[in-house]
PDB file of N, CA and C in Angstrom:
ATOM      1  N   UNK A   1       6.492 -13.953   4.162  1.00  0.00           N
ATOM      2  CA  UNK A   1       6.299 -12.910   3.252  1.00  0.00           C
ATOM      3  C   UNK A   1       7.388 -11.799   3.484  1.00  0.00           C
ATOM      4  N   UNK A   2       7.881 -11.343   2.374  1.00  0.00           N
ATOM      5  CA  UNK A   2       8.924 -10.271   2.364  1.00  0.00           C
ATOM      6  C   UNK A   2       8.206  -8.928   2.065  1.00  0.00           C
ATOM      7  N   UNK A   3       8.593  -7.897   2.858  1.00  0.00           N
ATOM      8  CA  UNK A   3       7.981  -6.567   2.570  1.00  0.00           C
ATOM      9  C   UNK A   3       9.083  -5.601   2.187  1.00  0.00           C
ATOM     10  N   UNK A   4       8.948  -4.809   1.127  1.00  0.00           N
ATOM     11  CA  UNK A   4       9.817  -3.772   0.726  1.00  0.00           C
ATOM     12  C   UNK A   4       9.066  -2.534   0.492  1.00  0.00           C
ATOM     13  N   UNK A   5       9.833  -1.460   0.540  1.00  0.00           N
ATOM     14  CA  UNK A   5       9.238  -0.066   0.248  1.00  0.00           C
ATOM     15  C   UNK A   5      10.011   0.630  -0.788  1.00  0.00           C
ATOM     16  N   UNK A   6       9.275   1.240  -1.678  1.00  0.00           N
ATOM     17  CA  UNK A   6       9.990   2.110  -2.643  1.00  0.00           C
ATOM     18  C   UNK A   6      10.339   3.434  -2.052  1.00  0.00           C
ATOM     19  N   UNK A   7      11.163   4.172  -2.621  1.00  0.00           N
ATOM     20  CA  UNK A   7      11.592   5.535  -1.960  1.00  0.00           C
ATOM     21  C   UNK A   7      10.454   6.422  -1.708  1.00  0.00           C
ATOM     22  N   UNK A   8       9.456   6.444  -2.710  1.00  0.00           N
ATOM     23  CA  UNK A   8       8.358   7.324  -2.659  1.00  0.00           C
ATOM     24  C   UNK A   8       7.458   6.932  -1.367  1.00  0.00           C
ATOM     25  N   UNK A   9       7.304   5.724  -1.173  1.00  0.00           N
ATOM     26  CA  UNK A   9       6.511   5.226  -0.033  1.00  0.00           C
ATOM     27  C   UNK A   9       7.134   5.506   1.304  1.00  0.00           C
ATOM     28  N   UNK A  10       8.424   5.462   1.377  1.00  0.00           N
ATOM     29  CA  UNK A  10       9.093   5.841   2.615  1.00  0.00           C
ATOM     30  C   UNK A  10       8.913   7.337   2.950  1.00  0.00           C
ATOM     31  N   UNK A  11       8.947   8.058   1.919  1.00  0.00           N
ATOM     32  CA  UNK A  11       8.756   9.558   2.108  1.00  0.00           C
ATOM     33  C   UNK A  11       7.272   9.834   2.475  1.00  0.00           C
ATOM     34  N   UNK A  12       6.349   9.193   1.903  1.00  0.00           N
ATOM     35  CA  UNK A  12       4.946   9.430   2.205  1.00  0.00           C
ATOM     36  C   UNK A  12       4.703   8.938   3.706  1.00  0.00           C
ATOM     37  N   UNK A  13       5.299   7.780   4.107  1.00  0.00           N
ATOM     38  CA  UNK A  13       5.059   7.227   5.343  1.00  0.00           C
ATOM     39  C   UNK A  13       5.646   8.128   6.499  1.00  0.00           C
ATOM     40  N   UNK A  14       6.789   8.608   6.258  1.00  0.00           N
ATOM     41  CA  UNK A  14       7.533   9.446   7.224  1.00  0.00           C
ATOM     42  C   UNK A  14       6.676  10.772   7.388  1.00  0.00           C
ATOM     43  N   UNK A  15       6.237  11.445   6.223  1.00  0.00           N
ATOM     44  CA  UNK A  15       5.421  12.685   6.369  1.00  0.00           C
ATOM     45  C   UNK A  15       4.076  12.333   7.064  1.00  0.00           C
ATOM     46  N   UNK A  16       3.389  11.310   6.701  1.00  0.00           N
ATOM     47  CA  UNK A  16       2.116  11.011   7.397  1.00  0.00           C
ATOM     48  C   UNK A  16       2.172  10.622   8.826  1.00  0.00           C
ATOM     49  N   UNK A  17       3.299   9.854   9.167  1.00  0.00           N
ATOM     50  CA  UNK A  17       3.433   9.208  10.380  1.00  0.00           C
ATOM     51  C   UNK A  17       3.770  10.542  11.440  1.00  0.00           C
ATOM     52  N   UNK A  18       4.199  11.665  10.943  1.00  0.00           N
ATOM     53  CA  UNK A  18       4.291  12.755  11.917  1.00  0.00           C
ATOM     54  C   UNK A  18       2.865  13.270  12.232  1.00  0.00           C
ATOM     55  N   UNK A  19       1.998  13.238  11.243  1.00  0.00           N
ATOM     56  CA  UNK A  19       0.582  13.721  11.490  1.00  0.00           C
ATOM     57  C   UNK A  19      -0.238  12.724  12.351  1.00  0.00           C
ATOM     58  N   UNK A  20      -0.143  11.533  11.961  1.00  0.00           N
ATOM     59  CA  UNK A  20      -0.923  10.539  12.426  1.00  0.00           C
ATOM     60  C   UNK A  20      -0.021   9.521  13.196  1.00  0.00           C
ATOM     61  N   UNK A  21       0.022   9.576  14.529  1.00  0.00           N
ATOM     62  CA  UNK A  21       0.972   8.883  15.427  1.00  0.00           C
ATOM     63  C   UNK A  21       0.759   7.500  15.489  1.00  0.00           C
ATOM     64  N   UNK A  22      -0.387   6.952  15.239  1.00  0.00           N
ATOM     65  CA  UNK A  22      -0.652   5.560  15.249  1.00  0.00           C
ATOM     66  C   UNK A  22      -0.244   4.865  14.067  1.00  0.00           C
ATOM     67  N   UNK A  23       0.106   5.572  13.003  1.00  0.00           N
ATOM     68  CA  UNK A  23       0.452   4.919  11.675  1.00  0.00           C
ATOM     69  C   UNK A  23       1.461   3.777  11.704  1.00  0.00           C
ATOM     70  N   UNK A  24       2.616   3.975  12.385  1.00  0.00           N
ATOM     71  CA  UNK A  24       3.467   2.811  12.478  1.00  0.00           C
ATOM     72  C   UNK A  24       2.911   1.437  13.023  1.00  0.00           C
ATOM     73  N   UNK A  25       2.049   1.528  13.961  1.00  0.00           N
ATOM     74  CA  UNK A  25       1.385   0.383  14.624  1.00  0.00           C
ATOM     75  C   UNK A  25       0.297  -0.098  13.531  1.00  0.00           C
ATOM     76  N   UNK A  26      -0.274   0.821  12.878  1.00  0.00           N
ATOM     77  CA  UNK A  26      -1.425   0.438  11.925  1.00  0.00           C
ATOM     78  C   UNK A  26      -0.868  -0.242  10.789  1.00  0.00           C
ATOM     79  N   UNK A  27       0.392   0.184  10.333  1.00  0.00           N
ATOM     80  CA  UNK A  27       1.042  -0.499   9.238  1.00  0.00           C
ATOM     81  C   UNK A  27       1.341  -1.994   9.546  1.00  0.00           C
ATOM     82  N   UNK A  28       1.817  -2.203  10.771  1.00  0.00           N
ATOM     83  CA  UNK A  28       2.207  -3.550  11.277  1.00  0.00           C
ATOM     84  C   UNK A  28       0.947  -4.353  11.244  1.00  0.00           C
ATOM     85  N   UNK A  29      -0.278  -3.849  11.709  1.00  0.00           N
ATOM     86  CA  UNK A  29      -1.494  -4.699  11.569  1.00  0.00           C
ATOM     87  C   UNK A  29      -1.864  -5.019  10.103  1.00  0.00           C
ATOM     88  N   UNK A  30      -1.586  -3.972   9.239  1.00  0.00           N
ATOM     89  CA  UNK A  30      -2.022  -4.172   7.812  1.00  0.00           C
ATOM     90  C   UNK A  30      -1.144  -5.332   7.374  1.00  0.00           C
ATOM     91  N   UNK A  31       0.086  -5.374   7.617  1.00  0.00           N
ATOM     92  CA  UNK A  31       1.079  -6.324   7.143  1.00  0.00           C
ATOM     93  C   UNK A  31       0.692  -7.749   7.597  1.00  0.00           C
ATOM     94  N   UNK A  32       0.122  -7.797   8.792  1.00  0.00           N
ATOM     95  CA  UNK A  32      -0.321  -9.127   9.315  1.00  0.00           C
ATOM     96  C   UNK A  32      -1.533  -9.611   8.485  1.00  0.00           C
ATOM     97  N   UNK A  33      -2.418  -8.692   8.155  1.00  0.00           N
ATOM     98  CA  UNK A  33      -3.546  -9.123   7.255  1.00  0.00           C
ATOM     99  C   UNK A  33      -3.168  -9.432   5.873  1.00  0.00           C
ATOM    100  N   UNK A  34      -2.370  -8.746   5.284  1.00  0.00           N
ATOM    101  CA  UNK A  34      -1.936  -9.137   3.836  1.00  0.00           C
ATOM    102  C   UNK A  34      -0.946 -10.232   3.877  1.00  0.00           C
ATOM    103  N   UNK A  35      -0.344 -10.605   4.945  1.00  0.00           N
ATOM    104  CA  UNK A  35       0.531 -11.897   5.043  1.00  0.00           C
ATOM    105  C   UNK A  35      -0.401 -12.971   4.868  1.00  0.00           C
ATOM    106  N   UNK A  36      -1.646 -12.940   5.484  1.00  0.00           N
ATOM    107  CA  UNK A  36      -2.592 -13.969   5.335  1.00  0.00           C
ATOM    108  C   UNK A  36      -3.304 -13.930   3.961  1.00  0.00           C
ATOM    109  N   UNK A  37      -3.820 -12.780   3.554  1.00  0.00           N
ATOM    110  CA  UNK A  37      -4.558 -12.628   2.288  1.00  0.00           C
ATOM    111  C   UNK A  37      -3.831 -11.508   1.400  1.00  0.00           C
ATOM    112  N   UNK A  38      -2.871 -11.951   0.644  1.00  0.00           N
ATOM    113  CA  UNK A  38      -2.091 -10.939  -0.018  1.00  0.00           C
ATOM    114  C   UNK A  38      -2.972 -10.173  -1.041  1.00  0.00           C
ATOM    115  N   UNK A  39      -4.070 -10.675  -1.706  1.00  0.00           N
ATOM    116  CA  UNK A  39      -4.879 -10.045  -2.494  1.00  0.00           C
ATOM    117  C   UNK A  39      -6.032  -9.411  -1.763  1.00  0.00           C
ATOM    118  N   UNK A  40      -6.024  -9.457  -0.481  1.00  0.00           N
ATOM    119  CA  UNK A  40      -7.144  -8.802   0.223  1.00  0.00           C
ATOM    120  C   UNK A  40      -8.322  -9.574   0.282  1.00  0.00           C
ATOM    121  N   UNK A  41      -9.280  -9.113   1.036  1.00  0.00           N
ATOM    122  CA  UNK A  41     -10.547  -9.754   1.080  1.00  0.00           C
ATOM    123  C   UNK A  41     -11.649  -8.697   1.409  1.00  0.00           C
ATOM    124  N   UNK A  42     -12.789  -8.654   0.724  1.00  0.00           N
ATOM    125  CA  UNK A  42     -13.691  -7.665   1.003  1.00  0.00           C
ATOM    126  C   UNK A  42     -13.624  -6.611   0.172  1.00  0.00           C
ATOM    127  N   UNK A  43     -14.429  -5.573   0.334  1.00  0.00           N
ATOM    128  CA  UNK A  43     -14.571  -4.307  -0.446  1.00  0.00           C
ATOM    129  C   UNK A  43     -13.490  -3.334  -0.243  1.00  0.00           C
ATOM    130  N   UNK A  44     -12.576  -3.504   0.733  1.00  0.00           N
ATOM    131  CA  UNK A  44     -11.562  -2.558   0.975  1.00  0.00           C
ATOM    132  C   UNK A  44     -10.279  -2.787   0.205  1.00  0.00           C
ATOM    133  N   UNK A  45     -10.370  -3.752  -0.762  1.00  0.00           N
ATOM    134  CA  UNK A  45      -9.208  -4.102  -1.575  1.00  0.00           C
ATOM    135  C   UNK A  45      -9.619  -4.000  -3.022  1.00  0.00           C
ATOM    136  N   UNK A  46      -8.887  -3.366  -3.977  1.00  0.00           N
ATOM    137  CA  UNK A  46      -9.079  -3.405  -5.385  1.00  0.00           C
ATOM    138  C   UNK A  46      -7.842  -3.700  -6.113  1.00  0.00           C
ATOM    139  N   UNK A  47      -7.933  -4.547  -7.180  1.00  0.00           N
ATOM    140  CA  UNK A  47      -6.855  -4.775  -8.036  1.00  0.00           C
ATOM    141  C   UNK A  47      -6.782  -3.771  -9.091  1.00  0.00           C
ATOM    142  N   UNK A  48      -5.706  -3.036  -9.199  1.00  0.00           N
ATOM    143  CA  UNK A  48      -5.530  -1.936 -10.233  1.00  0.00           C
ATOM    144  C   UNK A  48      -4.914  -2.540 -11.505  1.00  0.00           C
ATOM    145  N   UNK A  49      -3.984  -3.375 -11.490  1.00  0.00           N
ATOM    146  CA  UNK A  49      -3.317  -3.917 -12.502  1.00  0.00           C
ATOM    147  C   UNK A  49      -3.094  -5.495 -12.243  1.00  0.00           C
ATOM    148  N   UNK A  50      -3.354  -6.256 -13.207  1.00  0.00           N
ATOM    149  CA  UNK A  50      -3.362  -7.669 -12.935  1.00  0.00           C
ATOM    150  C   UNK A  50      -2.386  -8.281 -14.159  1.00  0.00           C
ATOM    151  N   UNK A  51      -1.076  -8.499 -13.797  1.00  0.00           N
ATOM    152  CA  UNK A  51      -0.161  -8.996 -14.786  1.00  0.00           C
ATOM    153  C   UNK A  51       0.125 -10.409 -14.255  1.00  0.00           C
ATOM    154  N   UNK A  52       0.862 -11.164 -15.202  1.00  0.00           N
ATOM    155  CA  UNK A  52       1.169 -12.538 -14.812  1.00  0.00           C
ATOM    156  C   UNK A  52       2.106 -12.583 -13.602  1.00  0.00           C
ATOM    157  N   UNK A  53       3.093 -11.809 -13.583  1.00  0.00           N
ATOM    158  CA  UNK A  53       4.042 -11.887 -12.459  1.00  0.00           C
ATOM    159  C   UNK A  53       3.879 -10.983 -11.287  1.00  0.00           C
ATOM    160  N   UNK A  54       2.998  -9.969 -11.494  1.00  0.00           N
ATOM    161  CA  UNK A  54       2.715  -9.014 -10.369  1.00  0.00           C
ATOM    162  C   UNK A  54       1.329  -8.415 -10.371  1.00  0.00           C
ATOM    163  N   UNK A  55       0.886  -8.140  -9.327  1.00  0.00           N
ATOM    164  CA  UNK A  55      -0.569  -7.566  -9.208  1.00  0.00           C
ATOM    165  C   UNK A  55      -0.464  -6.318  -8.367  1.00  0.00           C
ATOM    166  N   UNK A  56      -1.048  -5.223  -8.800  1.00  0.00           N
ATOM    167  CA  UNK A  56      -1.002  -3.947  -8.130  1.00  0.00           C
ATOM    168  C   UNK A  56      -2.347  -3.753  -7.557  1.00  0.00           C
ATOM    169  N   UNK A  57      -2.346  -3.468  -6.285  1.00  0.00           N
ATOM    170  CA  UNK A  57      -3.581  -3.415  -5.467  1.00  0.00           C
ATOM    171  C   UNK A  57      -3.581  -2.003  -4.764  1.00  0.00           C
ATOM    172  N   UNK A  58      -4.876  -1.491  -4.504  1.00  0.00           N
ATOM    173  CA  UNK A  58      -5.177  -0.433  -3.701  1.00  0.00           C
ATOM    174  C   UNK A  58      -6.041  -0.837  -2.519  1.00  0.00           C
ATOM    175  N   UNK A  59      -5.728  -0.499  -1.391  1.00  0.00           N
ATOM    176  CA  UNK A  59      -6.480  -0.920  -0.229  1.00  0.00           C
ATOM    177  C   UNK A  59      -6.699   0.317   0.788  1.00  0.00           C
ATOM    178  N   UNK A  60      -7.599   0.114   1.588  1.00  0.00           N
ATOM    179  CA  UNK A  60      -7.762   1.073   2.785  1.00  0.00           C
ATOM    180  C   UNK A  60      -6.782   0.556   3.939  1.00  0.00           C
ATOM    181  N   UNK A  61      -6.104   1.541   4.406  1.00  0.00           N
ATOM    182  CA  UNK A  61      -5.253   1.367   5.554  1.00  0.00           C
ATOM    183  C   UNK A  61      -5.943   2.113   6.759  1.00  0.00           C
ATOM    184  N   UNK A  62      -6.540   1.424   7.640  1.00  0.00           N
ATOM    185  CA  UNK A  62      -7.280   2.060   8.688  1.00  0.00           C
ATOM    186  C   UNK A  62      -6.422   2.545   9.748  1.00  0.00           C
ATOM    187  N   UNK A  63      -6.491   3.761  10.082  1.00  0.00           N
ATOM    188  CA  UNK A  63      -5.626   4.575  10.980  1.00  0.00           C
ATOM    189  C   UNK A  63      -6.502   4.837  12.244  1.00  0.00           C
ATOM    190  N   UNK A  64      -5.947   4.400  13.357  1.00  0.00           N
ATOM    191  CA  UNK A  64      -6.738   4.557  14.609  1.00  0.00           C
ATOM    192  C   UNK A  64      -6.831   6.109  14.937  1.00  0.00           C
ATOM    193  N   UNK A  65      -5.838   6.865  14.538  1.00  0.00           N
ATOM    194  CA  UNK A  65      -5.741   8.284  14.777  1.00  0.00           C
ATOM    195  C   UNK A  65      -6.811   9.032  14.072  1.00  0.00           C
ATOM    196  N   UNK A  66      -7.242   8.538  12.956  1.00  0.00           N
ATOM    197  CA  UNK A  66      -8.211   9.151  12.032  1.00  0.00           C
ATOM    198  C   UNK A  66      -9.579   8.886  12.540  1.00  0.00           C
ATOM    199  N   UNK A  67      -9.848   7.896  13.292  1.00  0.00           N
ATOM    200  CA  UNK A  67     -11.161   7.540  13.862  1.00  0.00           C
ATOM    201  C   UNK A  67     -12.380   7.574  12.719  1.00  0.00           C
ATOM    202  N   UNK A  68     -12.248   6.571  11.931  1.00  0.00           N
ATOM    203  CA  UNK A  68     -13.310   6.492  10.914  1.00  0.00           C
ATOM    204  C   UNK A  68     -12.812   6.647   9.560  1.00  0.00           C
ATOM    205  N   UNK A  69     -11.932   7.649   9.322  1.00  0.00           N
ATOM    206  CA  UNK A  69     -11.369   7.941   8.112  1.00  0.00           C
ATOM    207  C   UNK A  69     -10.215   6.871   7.891  1.00  0.00           C
ATOM    208  N   UNK A  70      -9.820   6.785   6.561  1.00  0.00           N
ATOM    209  CA  UNK A  70      -8.776   5.906   6.348  1.00  0.00           C
ATOM    210  C   UNK A  70      -7.798   6.419   5.379  1.00  0.00           C
ATOM    211  N   UNK A  71      -6.642   5.773   5.281  1.00  0.00           N
ATOM    212  CA  UNK A  71      -5.592   6.161   4.303  1.00  0.00           C
ATOM    213  C   UNK A  71      -5.685   5.077   3.124  1.00  0.00           C
ATOM    214  N   UNK A  72      -5.104   5.466   2.082  1.00  0.00           N
ATOM    215  CA  UNK A  72      -5.097   4.484   0.930  1.00  0.00           C
ATOM    216  C   UNK A  72      -3.563   4.072   0.775  1.00  0.00           C
ATOM    217  N   UNK A  73      -3.396   2.697   0.432  1.00  0.00           N
ATOM    218  CA  UNK A  73      -2.090   2.270   0.300  1.00  0.00           C
ATOM    219  C   UNK A  73      -2.096   1.448  -1.033  1.00  0.00           C
ATOM    220  N   UNK A  74      -1.133   1.769  -1.721  1.00  0.00           N
ATOM    221  CA  UNK A  74      -0.922   1.120  -3.071  1.00  0.00           C
ATOM    222  C   UNK A  74       0.331   0.147  -2.829  1.00  0.00           C
ATOM    223  N   UNK A  75       0.068  -1.212  -3.216  1.00  0.00           N
ATOM    224  CA  UNK A  75       1.138  -2.140  -3.150  1.00  0.00           C
ATOM    225  C   UNK A  75       1.119  -3.107  -4.195  1.00  0.00           C
ATOM    226  N   UNK A  76       2.355  -3.851  -4.475  1.00  0.00           N
ATOM    227  CA  UNK A  76       2.409  -4.823  -5.510  1.00  0.00           C
ATOM    228  C   UNK A  76       2.642  -6.112  -4.832  1.00  0.00           C
ATOM    229  N   UNK A  77       1.934  -7.054  -5.298  1.00  0.00           N
ATOM    230  CA  UNK A  77       2.123  -8.471  -4.859  1.00  0.00           C
ATOM    231  C   UNK A  77       2.787  -9.351  -5.856  1.00  0.00           C
ATOM    232  N   UNK A  78       3.977  -9.898  -5.559  1.00  0.00           N
ATOM    233  CA  UNK A  78       4.579 -10.840  -6.504  1.00  0.00           C
ATOM    234  C   UNK A  78       4.584 -12.170  -5.788  1.00  0.00           C
ATOM    235  N   UNK A  79       3.543 -13.001  -6.251  1.00  0.00           N
ATOM    236  CA  UNK A  79       3.390 -14.292  -5.607  1.00  0.00           C
ATOM    237  C   UNK A  79       4.461 -15.262  -5.822  1.00  0.00           C
ATOM    238  N   UNK A  80       5.161 -15.267  -7.000  1.00  0.00           N
ATOM    239  CA  UNK A  80       6.246 -16.195  -7.256  1.00  0.00           C
ATOM    240  C   UNK A  80       7.493 -15.975  -6.207  1.00  0.00           C
ATOM    241  N   UNK A  81       7.556 -14.755  -5.906  1.00  0.00           N
ATOM    242  CA  UNK A  81       8.770 -14.423  -4.851  1.00  0.00           C
ATOM    243  C   UNK A  81       8.271 -14.274  -3.474  1.00  0.00           C
ATOM    244  N   UNK A  82       6.851 -14.336  -3.259  1.00  0.00           N
ATOM    245  CA  UNK A  82       6.271 -14.102  -1.978  1.00  0.00           C
ATOM    246  C   UNK A  82       6.744 -12.697  -1.410  1.00  0.00           C
ATOM    247  N   UNK A  83       6.623 -11.669  -2.231  1.00  0.00           N
ATOM    248  CA  UNK A  83       7.067 -10.373  -1.903  1.00  0.00           C
ATOM    249  C   UNK A  83       5.887  -9.296  -2.020  1.00  0.00           C
ATOM    250  N   UNK A  84       5.803  -8.402  -1.162  1.00  0.00           N
ATOM    251  CA  UNK A  84       5.020  -7.235  -1.194  1.00  0.00           C
ATOM    252  C   UNK A  84       5.806  -6.040  -1.221  1.00  0.00           C
ATOM    253  N   UNK A  85       5.601  -5.217  -2.210  1.00  0.00           N
ATOM    254  CA  UNK A  85       6.276  -3.928  -2.347  1.00  0.00           C
ATOM    255  C   UNK A  85       5.314  -2.790  -2.224  1.00  0.00           C
ATOM    256  N   UNK A  86       5.568  -1.975  -1.181  1.00  0.00           N
ATOM    257  CA  UNK A  86       4.682  -0.813  -0.968  1.00  0.00           C
ATOM    258  C   UNK A  86       5.092   0.265  -1.717  1.00  0.00           C
ATOM    259  N   UNK A  87       4.196   0.869  -2.456  1.00  0.00           N
ATOM    260  CA  UNK A  87       4.427   1.914  -3.608  1.00  0.00           C
ATOM    261  C   UNK A  87       4.012   3.257  -3.173  1.00  0.00           C
ATOM    262  N   UNK A  88       2.894   3.347  -2.594  1.00  0.00           N
ATOM    263  CA  UNK A  88       2.274   4.783  -2.193  1.00  0.00           C
ATOM    264  C   UNK A  88       1.418   4.731  -1.149  1.00  0.00           C
ATOM    265  N   UNK A  89       1.434   5.710  -0.316  1.00  0.00           N
ATOM    266  CA  UNK A  89       0.514   5.884   0.794  1.00  0.00           C
ATOM    267  C   UNK A  89      -0.066   7.300   0.759  1.00  0.00           C
ATOM    268  N   UNK A  90      -1.322   7.440   0.866  1.00  0.00           N
ATOM    269  CA  UNK A  90      -1.920   8.890   0.906  1.00  0.00           C
ATOM    270  C   UNK A  90      -3.133   8.889   1.714  1.00  0.00           C
ATOM    271  N   UNK A  91      -3.469  10.194   2.135  1.00  0.00           N
ATOM    272  CA  UNK A  91      -4.783  10.397   2.779  1.00  0.00           C
ATOM    273  C   UNK A  91      -5.780  10.896   1.684  1.00  0.00           C
ATOM    274  N   UNK A  92      -6.960  10.198   1.663  1.00  0.00           N
ATOM    275  CA  UNK A  92      -7.969  10.459   0.551  1.00  0.00           C
ATOM    276  C   UNK A  92      -8.367  11.912   0.595  1.00  0.00           C
ATOM    277  N   UNK A  93      -8.346  12.520   1.802  1.00  0.00           N
ATOM    278  CA  UNK A  93      -8.773  14.078   1.824  1.00  0.00           C
ATOM    279  C   UNK A  93      -7.669  15.027   1.113  1.00  0.00           C
ATOM    280  N   UNK A  94      -6.518  14.536   1.086  1.00  0.00           N
ATOM    281  CA  UNK A  94      -5.461  15.348   0.355  1.00  0.00           C
ATOM    282  C   UNK A  94      -5.258  15.056  -1.114  1.00  0.00           C
ATOM    283  N   UNK A  95      -5.407  13.841  -1.464  1.00  0.00           N
ATOM    284  CA  UNK A  95      -5.232  13.342  -2.816  1.00  0.00           C
ATOM    285  C   UNK A  95      -6.412  12.521  -3.261  1.00  0.00           C
ATOM    286  N   UNK A  96      -6.921  12.735  -4.494  1.00  0.00           N
ATOM    287  CA  UNK A  96      -8.171  12.005  -4.911  1.00  0.00           C
ATOM    288  C   UNK A  96      -7.824  10.582  -5.266  1.00  0.00           C
ATOM    289  N   UNK A  97      -6.757  10.405  -6.160  1.00  0.00           N
ATOM    290  CA  UNK A  97      -6.358   9.060  -6.720  1.00  0.00           C
ATOM    291  C   UNK A  97      -4.913   8.832  -6.492  1.00  0.00           C
ATOM    292  N   UNK A  98      -4.546   7.511  -6.779  1.00  0.00           N
ATOM    293  CA  UNK A  98      -3.164   7.075  -6.772  1.00  0.00           C
ATOM    294  C   UNK A  98      -2.355   7.784  -7.763  1.00  0.00           C
ATOM    295  N   UNK A  99      -0.952   7.736  -7.560  1.00  0.00           N
ATOM    296  CA  UNK A  99      -0.111   8.397  -8.664  1.00  0.00           C
ATOM    297  C   UNK A  99       0.310   7.267  -9.629  1.00  0.00           C
ATOM    298  N   UNK A 100      -0.320   7.427 -10.770  1.00  0.00           N
ATOM    299  CA  UNK A 100      -0.208   6.376 -11.866  1.00  0.00           C
ATOM    300  C   UNK A 100       1.225   6.389 -12.403  1.00  0.00           C
ATOM    301  N   UNK A 101       1.984   7.528 -12.401  1.00  0.00           N
ATOM    302  CA  UNK A 101       3.383   7.516 -12.774  1.00  0.00           C
ATOM    303  C   UNK A 101       4.280   6.720 -11.801  1.00  0.00           C
ATOM    304  N   UNK A 102       3.948   6.852 -10.531  1.00  0.00           N
ATOM    305  CA  UNK A 102       4.757   6.022  -9.679  1.00  0.00           C
ATOM    306  C   UNK A 102       4.614   4.515  -9.769  1.00  0.00           C
ATOM    307  N   UNK A 103       3.387   4.108 -10.170  1.00  0.00           N
ATOM    308  CA  UNK A 103       2.986   2.768 -10.358  1.00  0.00           C
ATOM    309  C   UNK A 103       3.824   2.278 -11.675  1.00  0.00           C
ATOM    310  N   UNK A 104       3.765   3.145 -12.846  1.00  0.00           N
ATOM    311  CA  UNK A 104       4.458   2.738 -13.868  1.00  0.00           C
ATOM    312  C   UNK A 104       5.979   2.667 -13.724  1.00  0.00           C
ATOM    313  N   UNK A 105       6.522   3.613 -12.995  1.00  0.00           N
ATOM    314  CA  UNK A 105       7.941   3.609 -12.706  1.00  0.00           C
ATOM    315  C   UNK A 105       8.333   2.320 -11.969  1.00  0.00           C
ATOM    316  N   UNK A 106       7.540   1.896 -11.065  1.00  0.00           N
ATOM    317  CA  UNK A 106       7.747   0.655 -10.285  1.00  0.00           C
ATOM    318  C   UNK A 106       7.657  -0.539 -11.243  1.00  0.00           C
ATOM    319  N   UNK A 107       6.637  -0.599 -12.031  1.00  0.00           N
ATOM    320  CA  UNK A 107       6.599  -1.744 -12.977  1.00  0.00           C
ATOM    321  C   UNK A 107       7.731  -1.784 -13.972  1.00  0.00           C
ATOM    322  N   UNK A 108       8.220  -0.674 -14.361  1.00  0.00           N
ATOM    323  CA  UNK A 108       9.410  -0.506 -15.316  1.00  0.00           C
ATOM    324  C   UNK A 108      10.693  -1.043 -14.500  1.00  0.00           C
ATOM    325  N   UNK A 109      10.743  -0.758 -13.235  1.00  0.00           N
ATOM    326  CA  UNK A 109      11.919  -1.061 -12.516  1.00  0.00           C
ATOM    327  C   UNK A 109      12.057  -2.675 -12.271  1.00  0.00           C
ATOM    328  N   UNK A 110      10.988  -3.343 -12.230  1.00  0.00           N
ATOM    329  CA  UNK A 110      11.048  -4.781 -11.916  1.00  0.00           C
ATOM    330  C   UNK A 110      11.037  -5.669 -13.179  1.00  0.00           C
ATOM    331  N   UNK A 111      10.926  -5.144 -14.351  1.00  0.00           N
ATOM    332  CA  UNK A 111      10.912  -5.879 -15.582  1.00  0.00           C
ATOM    333  C   UNK A 111      12.325  -6.192 -15.987  1.00  0.00           C
TER     334      UNK A 111
END
């Protein structure tokens, strides 16, 4: 599985990893899980957009530093290319929902 990050995700990750020190290791664990189950499993994954060539998902990213709370991660799964693109990362307490504009920009960039 190939993993990519859009610019906005890299900024989100850098900002949040300063606050939550376990985040780099938590992301590695998350990558292991979605390598096995790219569309997720269970109630912690939701498909936001389901297109022929790409699926946009929202998932909980459990952070050990937060102890019980979790972050939200938005990513795209392109099955034909075996690629996962990370689009957004945010703390639910700071932001209610995903950035729909960022998702649309990503979808425009891959067409």
